[in-house]
Amino acid sequence: MALFKRRTVGKPGEWFYCLRHGTVEEGPQCRAADRFGPYRSREEAAHAMETARERNLEWETDPKWHDMGKGQGDDGDEPRSS
C-alpha cells in the first residue's frame, strides 16, 4: 500500500495555473512542479503570473533580504583589519 495517495481529481472550487500549458485548470490536472495554486477562484488563477511578478518584485526590493552591504561579513559586521 502506498504511503501517500496521489490525488487525481481536484476538490470543487480549487483552481490552478499550469505553467507548462499556460492555462487555468480546475483541480490538479498537471503535475505539481508545473503549476501554481490552488487558488480560490478561476479569476485568481488566471492572474497567477502577474501575482508571481508582484511578489518577486516585493522580494527583490525588500531590505530585510538585501541588508548586507559591500564589504560586510556574513554576520552584518564590518570586516576586521588585522
PDB file of N, CA and C in Angstrom:
ATOM      1  N   MET A   1       0.849  -1.175   0.000  1.00  0.00           N
ATOM      2  CA  MET A   1       0.000   0.000   0.000  1.00  0.00           C
ATOM      3  C   MET A   1       0.895   1.239   0.000  1.00  0.00           C
ATOM      4  N   ALA A   2       0.515   2.209  -0.813  1.00  0.00           N
ATOM      5  CA  ALA A   2       1.289   3.443  -0.943  1.00  0.00           C
ATOM      6  C   ALA A   2       1.175   4.281   0.323  1.00  0.00           C
ATOM      7  N   LEU A   3       2.277   4.912   0.665  1.00  0.00           N
ATOM      8  CA  LEU A   3       2.302   5.773   1.837  1.00  0.00           C
ATOM      9  C   LEU A   3       1.469   7.035   1.603  1.00  0.00           C
ATOM     10  N   PHE A   4       1.573   7.590   0.400  1.00  0.00           N
ATOM     11  CA  PHE A   4       0.814   8.785   0.037  1.00  0.00           C
ATOM     12  C   PHE A   4      -0.059   8.453  -1.160  1.00  0.00           C
ATOM     13  N   LYS A   5      -1.312   8.780  -1.068  1.00  0.00           N
ATOM     14  CA  LYS A   5      -2.231   8.524  -2.166  1.00  0.00           C
ATOM     15  C   LYS A   5      -2.211   9.708  -3.110  1.00  0.00           C
ATOM     16  N   ARG A   6      -1.958   9.458  -4.372  1.00  0.00           N
ATOM     17  CA  ARG A   6      -1.936  10.525  -5.370  1.00  0.00           C
ATOM     18  C   ARG A   6      -3.367  10.933  -5.693  1.00  0.00           C
ATOM     19  N   ARG A   7      -3.625  12.194  -5.548  1.00  0.00           N
ATOM     20  CA  ARG A   7      -4.957  12.723  -5.820  1.00  0.00           C
ATOM     21  C   ARG A   7      -5.060  13.051  -7.304  1.00  0.00           C
ATOM     22  N   THR A   8      -5.970  12.419  -7.989  1.00  0.00           N
ATOM     23  CA  THR A   8      -6.113  12.659  -9.422  1.00  0.00           C
ATOM     24  C   THR A   8      -7.276  13.589  -9.745  1.00  0.00           C
ATOM     25  N   VAL A   9      -8.179  13.762  -8.818  1.00  0.00           N
ATOM     26  CA  VAL A   9      -9.329  14.635  -9.027  1.00  0.00           C
ATOM     27  C   VAL A   9      -9.280  15.745  -7.987  1.00  0.00           C
ATOM     28  N   GLY A  10      -9.469  16.982  -8.438  1.00  0.00           N
ATOM     29  CA  GLY A  10      -9.420  18.103  -7.520  1.00  0.00           C
ATOM     30  C   GLY A  10     -10.702  18.275  -6.750  1.00  0.00           C
ATOM     31  N   LYS A  11     -10.601  19.047  -5.714  1.00  0.00           N
ATOM     32  CA  LYS A  11     -11.781  19.411  -4.938  1.00  0.00           C
ATOM     33  C   LYS A  11     -12.538  20.495  -5.706  1.00  0.00           C
ATOM     34  N   PRO A  12     -13.846  20.496  -5.623  1.00  0.00           N
ATOM     35  CA  PRO A  12     -14.599  21.573  -6.281  1.00  0.00           C
ATOM     36  C   PRO A  12     -14.152  22.935  -5.750  1.00  0.00           C
ATOM     37  N   GLY A  13     -13.918  23.852  -6.654  1.00  0.00           N
ATOM     38  CA  GLY A  13     -13.515  25.192  -6.257  1.00  0.00           C
ATOM     39  C   GLY A  13     -12.023  25.396  -6.173  1.00  0.00           C
ATOM     40  N   GLU A  14     -11.212  24.367  -6.418  1.00  0.00           N
ATOM     41  CA  GLU A  14      -9.755  24.529  -6.454  1.00  0.00           C
ATOM     42  C   GLU A  14      -9.337  24.853  -7.883  1.00  0.00           C
ATOM     43  N   TRP A  15      -8.617  25.935  -8.027  1.00  0.00           N
ATOM     44  CA  TRP A  15      -8.163  26.364  -9.349  1.00  0.00           C
ATOM     45  C   TRP A  15      -6.647  26.448  -9.358  1.00  0.00           C
ATOM     46  N   PHE A  16      -6.048  26.090 -10.474  1.00  0.00           N
ATOM     47  CA  PHE A  16      -4.600  26.088 -10.633  1.00  0.00           C
ATOM     48  C   PHE A  16      -4.233  26.779 -11.941  1.00  0.00           C
ATOM     49  N   TYR A  17      -3.006  27.288 -12.009  1.00  0.00           N
ATOM     50  CA  TYR A  17      -2.472  27.829 -13.250  1.00  0.00           C
ATOM     51  C   TYR A  17      -1.357  26.904 -13.693  1.00  0.00           C
ATOM     52  N   CYS A  18      -1.501  26.303 -14.872  1.00  0.00           N
ATOM     53  CA  CYS A  18      -0.495  25.383 -15.400  1.00  0.00           C
ATOM     54  C   CYS A  18       0.583  26.180 -16.125  1.00  0.00           C
ATOM     55  N   LEU A  19       1.804  26.101 -15.631  1.00  0.00           N
ATOM     56  CA  LEU A  19       2.925  26.825 -16.224  1.00  0.00           C
ATOM     57  C   LEU A  19       3.310  26.231 -17.575  1.00  0.00           C
ATOM     58  N   ARG A  20       3.158  24.956 -17.711  1.00  0.00           N
ATOM     59  CA  ARG A  20       3.550  24.267 -18.947  1.00  0.00           C
ATOM     60  C   ARG A  20       2.622  24.627 -20.110  1.00  0.00           C
ATOM     61  N   HIS A  21       1.329  24.649 -19.843  1.00  0.00           N
ATOM     62  CA  HIS A  21       0.354  24.905 -20.894  1.00  0.00           C
ATOM     63  C   HIS A  21      -0.133  26.352 -20.926  1.00  0.00           C
ATOM     64  N   GLY A  22       0.118  27.110 -19.856  1.00  0.00           N
ATOM     65  CA  GLY A  22      -0.336  28.494 -19.789  1.00  0.00           C
ATOM     66  C   GLY A  22      -1.850  28.603 -19.688  1.00  0.00           C
ATOM     67  N   THR A  23      -2.445  27.631 -18.989  1.00  0.00           N
ATOM     68  CA  THR A  23      -3.905  27.603 -18.883  1.00  0.00           C
ATOM     69  C   THR A  23      -4.344  27.492 -17.431  1.00  0.00           C
ATOM     70  N   VAL A  24      -5.597  27.852 -17.203  1.00  0.00           N
ATOM     71  CA  VAL A  24      -6.229  27.706 -15.893  1.00  0.00           C
ATOM     72  C   VAL A  24      -6.918  26.356 -15.875  1.00  0.00           C
ATOM     73  N   GLU A  25      -6.759  25.623 -14.764  1.00  0.00           N
ATOM     74  CA  GLU A  25      -7.353  24.295 -14.635  1.00  0.00           C
ATOM     75  C   GLU A  25      -8.140  24.206 -13.339  1.00  0.00           C
ATOM     76  N   GLU A  26      -9.246  23.511 -13.371  1.00  0.00           N
ATOM     77  CA  GLU A  26      -9.967  23.231 -12.138  1.00  0.00           C
ATOM     78  C   GLU A  26      -9.503  21.866 -11.661  1.00  0.00           C
ATOM     79  N   GLY A  27      -8.946  21.854 -10.464  1.00  0.00           N
ATOM     80  CA  GLY A  27      -8.393  20.607  -9.934  1.00  0.00           C
ATOM     81  C   GLY A  27      -6.988  20.377 -10.466  1.00  0.00           C
ATOM     82  N   PRO A  28      -6.225  19.519  -9.801  1.00  0.00           N
ATOM     83  CA  PRO A  28      -4.844  19.270 -10.234  1.00  0.00           C
ATOM     84  C   PRO A  28      -4.811  18.349 -11.456  1.00  0.00           C
ATOM     85  N   GLN A  29      -4.708  18.941 -12.636  1.00  0.00           N
ATOM     86  CA  GLN A  29      -4.664  18.150 -13.860  1.00  0.00           C
ATOM     87  C   GLN A  29      -3.226  17.885 -14.290  1.00  0.00           C
ATOM     88  N   CYS A  30      -2.334  18.826 -14.077  1.00  0.00           N
ATOM     89  CA  CYS A  30      -0.919  18.651 -14.423  1.00  0.00           C
ATOM     90  C   CYS A  30      -0.121  18.420 -13.149  1.00  0.00           C
ATOM     91  N   ARG A  31       1.116  17.967 -13.311  1.00  0.00           N
ATOM     92  CA  ARG A  31       1.936  17.655 -12.139  1.00  0.00           C
ATOM     93  C   ARG A  31       2.246  18.916 -11.334  1.00  0.00           C
ATOM     94  N   ALA A  32       2.490  18.723 -10.055  1.00  0.00           N
ATOM     95  CA  ALA A  32       2.667  19.838  -9.116  1.00  0.00           C
ATOM     96  C   ALA A  32       3.808  20.770  -9.525  1.00  0.00           C
ATOM     97  N   ALA A  33       4.883  20.230 -10.079  1.00  0.00           N
ATOM     98  CA  ALA A  33       6.023  21.062 -10.465  1.00  0.00           C
ATOM     99  C   ALA A  33       5.679  22.018 -11.607  1.00  0.00           C
ATOM    100  N   ASP A  34       4.591  21.752 -12.310  1.00  0.00           N
ATOM    101  CA  ASP A  34       4.205  22.569 -13.456  1.00  0.00           C
ATOM    102  C   ASP A  34       3.032  23.493 -13.188  1.00  0.00           C
ATOM    103  N   ARG A  35       2.679  23.707 -11.923  1.00  0.00           N
ATOM    104  CA  ARG A  35       1.504  24.532 -11.667  1.00  0.00           C
ATOM    105  C   ARG A  35       1.666  25.415 -10.430  1.00  0.00           C
ATOM    106  N   PHE A  36       0.907  26.501 -10.429  1.00  0.00           N
ATOM    107  CA  PHE A  36       0.753  27.364  -9.267  1.00  0.00           C
ATOM    108  C   PHE A  36      -0.640  27.113  -8.716  1.00  0.00           C
ATOM    109  N   GLY A  37      -0.793  27.215  -7.412  1.00  0.00           N
ATOM    110  CA  GLY A  37      -2.121  27.076  -6.832  1.00  0.00           C
ATOM    111  C   GLY A  37      -2.103  26.176  -5.624  1.00  0.00           C
ATOM    112  N   PRO A  38      -3.221  25.934  -5.026  1.00  0.00           N
ATOM    113  CA  PRO A  38      -4.555  26.248  -5.515  1.00  0.00           C
ATOM    114  C   PRO A  38      -4.967  27.687  -5.222  1.00  0.00           C
ATOM    115  N   TYR A  39      -5.851  28.173  -6.073  1.00  0.00           N
ATOM    116  CA  TYR A  39      -6.451  29.490  -5.906  1.00  0.00           C
ATOM    117  C   TYR A  39      -7.934  29.318  -5.598  1.00  0.00           C
ATOM    118  N   ARG A  40      -8.536  30.332  -5.005  1.00  0.00           N
ATOM    119  CA  ARG A  40      -9.949  30.256  -4.617  1.00  0.00           C
ATOM    120  C   ARG A  40     -10.897  30.434  -5.791  1.00  0.00           C
ATOM    121  N   SER A  41     -10.411  31.073  -6.865  1.00  0.00           N
ATOM    122  CA  SER A  41     -11.304  31.322  -7.996  1.00  0.00           C
ATOM    123  C   SER A  41     -10.538  31.195  -9.308  1.00  0.00           C
ATOM    124  N   ARG A  42     -11.294  31.034 -10.374  1.00  0.00           N
ATOM    125  CA  ARG A  42     -10.708  30.973 -11.713  1.00  0.00           C
ATOM    126  C   ARG A  42      -9.986  32.294 -12.018  1.00  0.00           C
ATOM    127  N   GLU A  43     -10.581  33.391 -11.589  1.00  0.00           N
ATOM    128  CA  GLU A  43     -10.005  34.727 -11.811  1.00  0.00           C
ATOM    129  C   GLU A  43      -8.619  34.849 -11.161  1.00  0.00           C
ATOM    130  N   GLU A  44      -8.504  34.409  -9.903  1.00  0.00           N
ATOM    131  CA  GLU A  44      -7.202  34.452  -9.216  1.00  0.00           C
ATOM    132  C   GLU A  44      -6.172  33.612  -9.954  1.00  0.00           C
ATOM    133  N   ALA A  45      -6.567  32.420 -10.381  1.00  0.00           N
ATOM    134  CA  ALA A  45      -5.645  31.538 -11.103  1.00  0.00           C
ATOM    135  C   ALA A  45      -5.218  32.162 -12.424  1.00  0.00           C
ATOM    136  N   ALA A  46      -6.126  32.862 -13.088  1.00  0.00           N
ATOM    137  CA  ALA A  46      -5.811  33.499 -14.363  1.00  0.00           C
ATOM    138  C   ALA A  46      -4.762  34.595 -14.204  1.00  0.00           C
ATOM    139  N   HIS A  47      -4.668  35.180 -13.006  1.00  0.00           N
ATOM    140  CA  HIS A  47      -3.689  36.243 -12.741  1.00  0.00           C
ATOM    141  C   HIS A  47      -2.456  35.720 -11.998  1.00  0.00           C
ATOM    142  N   ALA A  48      -2.228  34.426 -12.041  1.00  0.00           N
ATOM    143  CA  ALA A  48      -1.134  33.817 -11.277  1.00  0.00           C
ATOM    144  C   ALA A  48       0.237  34.376 -11.657  1.00  0.00           C
ATOM    145  N   MET A  49       0.484  34.563 -12.934  1.00  0.00           N
ATOM    146  CA  MET A  49       1.800  35.063 -13.356  1.00  0.00           C
ATOM    147  C   MET A  49       1.993  36.515 -12.920  1.00  0.00           C
ATOM    148  N   GLU A  50       0.948  37.309 -12.982  1.00  0.00           N
ATOM    149  CA  GLU A  50       1.018  38.701 -12.517  1.00  0.00           C
ATOM    150  C   GLU A  50       1.287  38.740 -11.011  1.00  0.00           C
ATOM    151  N   THR A  51       0.599  37.892 -10.265  1.00  0.00           N
ATOM    152  CA  THR A  51       0.805  37.804  -8.816  1.00  0.00           C
ATOM    153  C   THR A  51       2.239  37.399  -8.511  1.00  0.00           C
ATOM    154  N   ALA A  52       2.770  36.436  -9.259  1.00  0.00           N
ATOM    155  CA  ALA A  52       4.153  35.982  -9.050  1.00  0.00           C
ATOM    156  C   ALA A  52       5.146  37.108  -9.334  1.00  0.00           C
ATOM    157  N   ARG A  53       4.916  37.873 -10.413  1.00  0.00           N
ATOM    158  CA  ARG A  53       5.805  39.004 -10.726  1.00  0.00           C
ATOM    159  C   ARG A  53       5.783  40.040  -9.607  1.00  0.00           C
ATOM    160  N   GLU A  54       4.594  40.346  -9.088  1.00  0.00           N
ATOM    161  CA  GLU A  54       4.475  41.324  -7.997  1.00  0.00           C
ATOM    162  C   GLU A  54       5.205  40.838  -6.749  1.00  0.00           C
ATOM    163  N   ARG A  55       5.039  39.569  -6.416  1.00  0.00           N
ATOM    164  CA  ARG A  55       5.714  39.020  -5.232  1.00  0.00           C
ATOM    165  C   ARG A  55       7.220  38.992  -5.418  1.00  0.00           C
ATOM    166  N   ASN A  56       7.684  38.673  -6.619  1.00  0.00           N
ATOM    167  CA  ASN A  56       9.128  38.682  -6.881  1.00  0.00           C
ATOM    168  C   ASN A  56       9.696  40.089  -6.735  1.00  0.00           C
ATOM    169  N   LEU A  57       8.972  41.078  -7.237  1.00  0.00           N
ATOM    170  CA  LEU A  57       9.422  42.462  -7.112  1.00  0.00           C
ATOM    171  C   LEU A  57       9.476  42.884  -5.648  1.00  0.00           C
ATOM    172  N   GLU A  58       8.471  42.498  -4.876  1.00  0.00           N
ATOM    173  CA  GLU A  58       8.481  42.809  -3.441  1.00  0.00           C
ATOM    174  C   GLU A  58       9.698  42.186  -2.772  1.00  0.00           C
ATOM    175  N   TRP A  59      10.006  40.946  -3.117  1.00  0.00           N
ATOM    176  CA  TRP A  59      11.151  40.264  -2.518  1.00  0.00           C
ATOM    177  C   TRP A  59      12.445  40.942  -2.936  1.00  0.00           C
ATOM    178  N   GLU A  60      12.571  41.285  -4.205  1.00  0.00           N
ATOM    179  CA  GLU A  60      13.801  41.895  -4.707  1.00  0.00           C
ATOM    180  C   GLU A  60      14.063  43.262  -4.083  1.00  0.00           C
ATOM    181  N   THR A  61      13.013  43.950  -3.675  1.00  0.00           N
ATOM    182  CA  THR A  61      13.191  45.290  -3.104  1.00  0.00           C
ATOM    183  C   THR A  61      13.040  45.313  -1.587  1.00  0.00           C
ATOM    184  N   ASP A  62      12.875  44.160  -0.969  1.00  0.00           N
ATOM    185  CA  ASP A  62      12.708  44.079   0.486  1.00  0.00           C
ATOM    186  C   ASP A  62      14.073  44.223   1.166  1.00  0.00           C
ATOM    187  N   PRO A  63      14.269  45.279   1.971  1.00  0.00           N
ATOM    188  CA  PRO A  63      15.575  45.490   2.609  1.00  0.00           C
ATOM    189  C   PRO A  63      15.953  44.380   3.588  1.00  0.00           C
ATOM    190  N   LYS A  64      14.991  43.652   4.120  1.00  0.00           N
ATOM    191  CA  LYS A  64      15.323  42.561   5.039  1.00  0.00           C
ATOM    192  C   LYS A  64      16.083  41.447   4.329  1.00  0.00           C
ATOM    193  N   TRP A  65      15.851  41.277   3.031  1.00  0.00           N
ATOM    194  CA  TRP A  65      16.527  40.222   2.274  1.00  0.00           C
ATOM    195  C   TRP A  65      17.850  40.691   1.694  1.00  0.00           C
ATOM    196  N   HIS A  66      18.038  41.995   1.613  1.00  0.00           N
ATOM    197  CA  HIS A  66      19.248  42.538   0.996  1.00  0.00           C
ATOM    198  C   HIS A  66      19.918  43.536   1.924  1.00  0.00           C
ATOM    199  N   ASP A  67      20.125  43.151   3.167  1.00  0.00           N
ATOM    200  CA  ASP A  67      20.679  44.094   4.135  1.00  0.00           C
ATOM    201  C   ASP A  67      22.190  44.029   4.238  1.00  0.00           C
ATOM    202  N   MET A  68      22.844  43.138   3.503  1.00  0.00           N
ATOM    203  CA  MET A  68      24.286  43.013   3.589  1.00  0.00           C
ATOM    204  C   MET A  68      24.927  43.922   2.542  1.00  0.00           C
ATOM    205  N   GLY A  69      25.583  44.984   2.982  1.00  0.00           N
ATOM    206  CA  GLY A  69      26.226  45.918   2.070  1.00  0.00           C
ATOM    207  C   GLY A  69      27.600  45.443   1.650  1.00  0.00           C
ATOM    208  N   LYS A  70      28.223  46.212   0.757  1.00  0.00           N
ATOM    209  CA  LYS A  70      29.567  45.870   0.291  1.00  0.00           C
ATOM    210  C   LYS A  70      30.548  45.892   1.447  1.00  0.00           C
ATOM    211  N   GLY A  71      31.422  44.922   1.470  1.00  0.00           N
ATOM    212  CA  GLY A  71      32.472  44.888   2.480  1.00  0.00           C
ATOM    213  C   GLY A  71      32.033  44.359   3.828  1.00  0.00           C
ATOM    214  N   GLN A  72      30.800  43.943   3.963  1.00  0.00           N
ATOM    215  CA  GLN A  72      30.333  43.413   5.233  1.00  0.00           C
ATOM    216  C   GLN A  72      30.459  41.898   5.236  1.00  0.00           C
ATOM    217  N   GLY A  73      30.683  41.359   6.408  1.00  0.00           N
ATOM    218  CA  GLY A  73      30.758  39.916   6.559  1.00  0.00           C
ATOM    219  C   GLY A  73      29.383  39.307   6.623  1.00  0.00           C
ATOM    220  N   ASP A  74      29.327  37.986   6.763  1.00  0.00           N
ATOM    221  CA  ASP A  74      28.051  37.279   6.814  1.00  0.00           C
ATOM    222  C   ASP A  74      27.205  37.686   8.007  1.00  0.00           C
ATOM    223  N   ASP A  75      27.854  38.134   9.091  1.00  0.00           N
ATOM    224  CA  ASP A  75      27.096  38.492  10.294  1.00  0.00           C
ATOM    225  C   ASP A  75      26.649  39.946  10.272  1.00  0.00           C
ATOM    226  N   GLY A  76      26.940  40.667   9.178  1.00  0.00           N
ATOM    227  CA  GLY A  76      26.491  42.048   9.064  1.00  0.00           C
ATOM    228  C   GLY A  76      27.474  43.044   9.639  1.00  0.00           C
ATOM    229  N   ASP A  77      28.531  42.578  10.318  1.00  0.00           N
ATOM    230  CA  ASP A  77      29.532  43.484  10.874  1.00  0.00           C
ATOM    231  C   ASP A  77      30.530  43.884   9.801  1.00  0.00           C
ATOM    232  N   GLU A  78      31.147  45.021  10.016  1.00  0.00           N
ATOM    233  CA  GLU A  78      32.192  45.454   9.112  1.00  0.00           C
ATOM    234  C   GLU A  78      33.368  44.488   9.202  1.00  0.00           C
ATOM    235  N   PRO A  79      34.095  44.294   8.116  1.00  0.00           N
ATOM    236  CA  PRO A  79      35.244  43.393   8.167  1.00  0.00           C
ATOM    237  C   PRO A  79      36.301  43.936   9.128  1.00  0.00           C
ATOM    238  N   ARG A  80      36.980  43.050   9.782  1.00  0.00           N
ATOM    239  CA  ARG A  80      38.017  43.444  10.745  1.00  0.00           C
ATOM    240  C   ARG A  80      39.355  43.519  10.066  1.00  0.00           C
ATOM    241  N   SER A  81      40.162  44.516  10.428  1.00  0.00           N
ATOM    242  CA  SER A  81      41.527  44.605   9.893  1.00  0.00           C
ATOM    243  C   SER A  81      42.472  43.888  10.844  1.00  0.00           C
ATOM    244  N   SER A  82      43.492  43.306  10.232  1.00  0.00           N
ATOM    245  CA  SER A  82      44.466  42.625  11.097  1.00  0.00           C
ATOM    246  C   SER A  82      45.751  43.374  11.186  1.00  0.00           C
TER     247      SER A  82
END
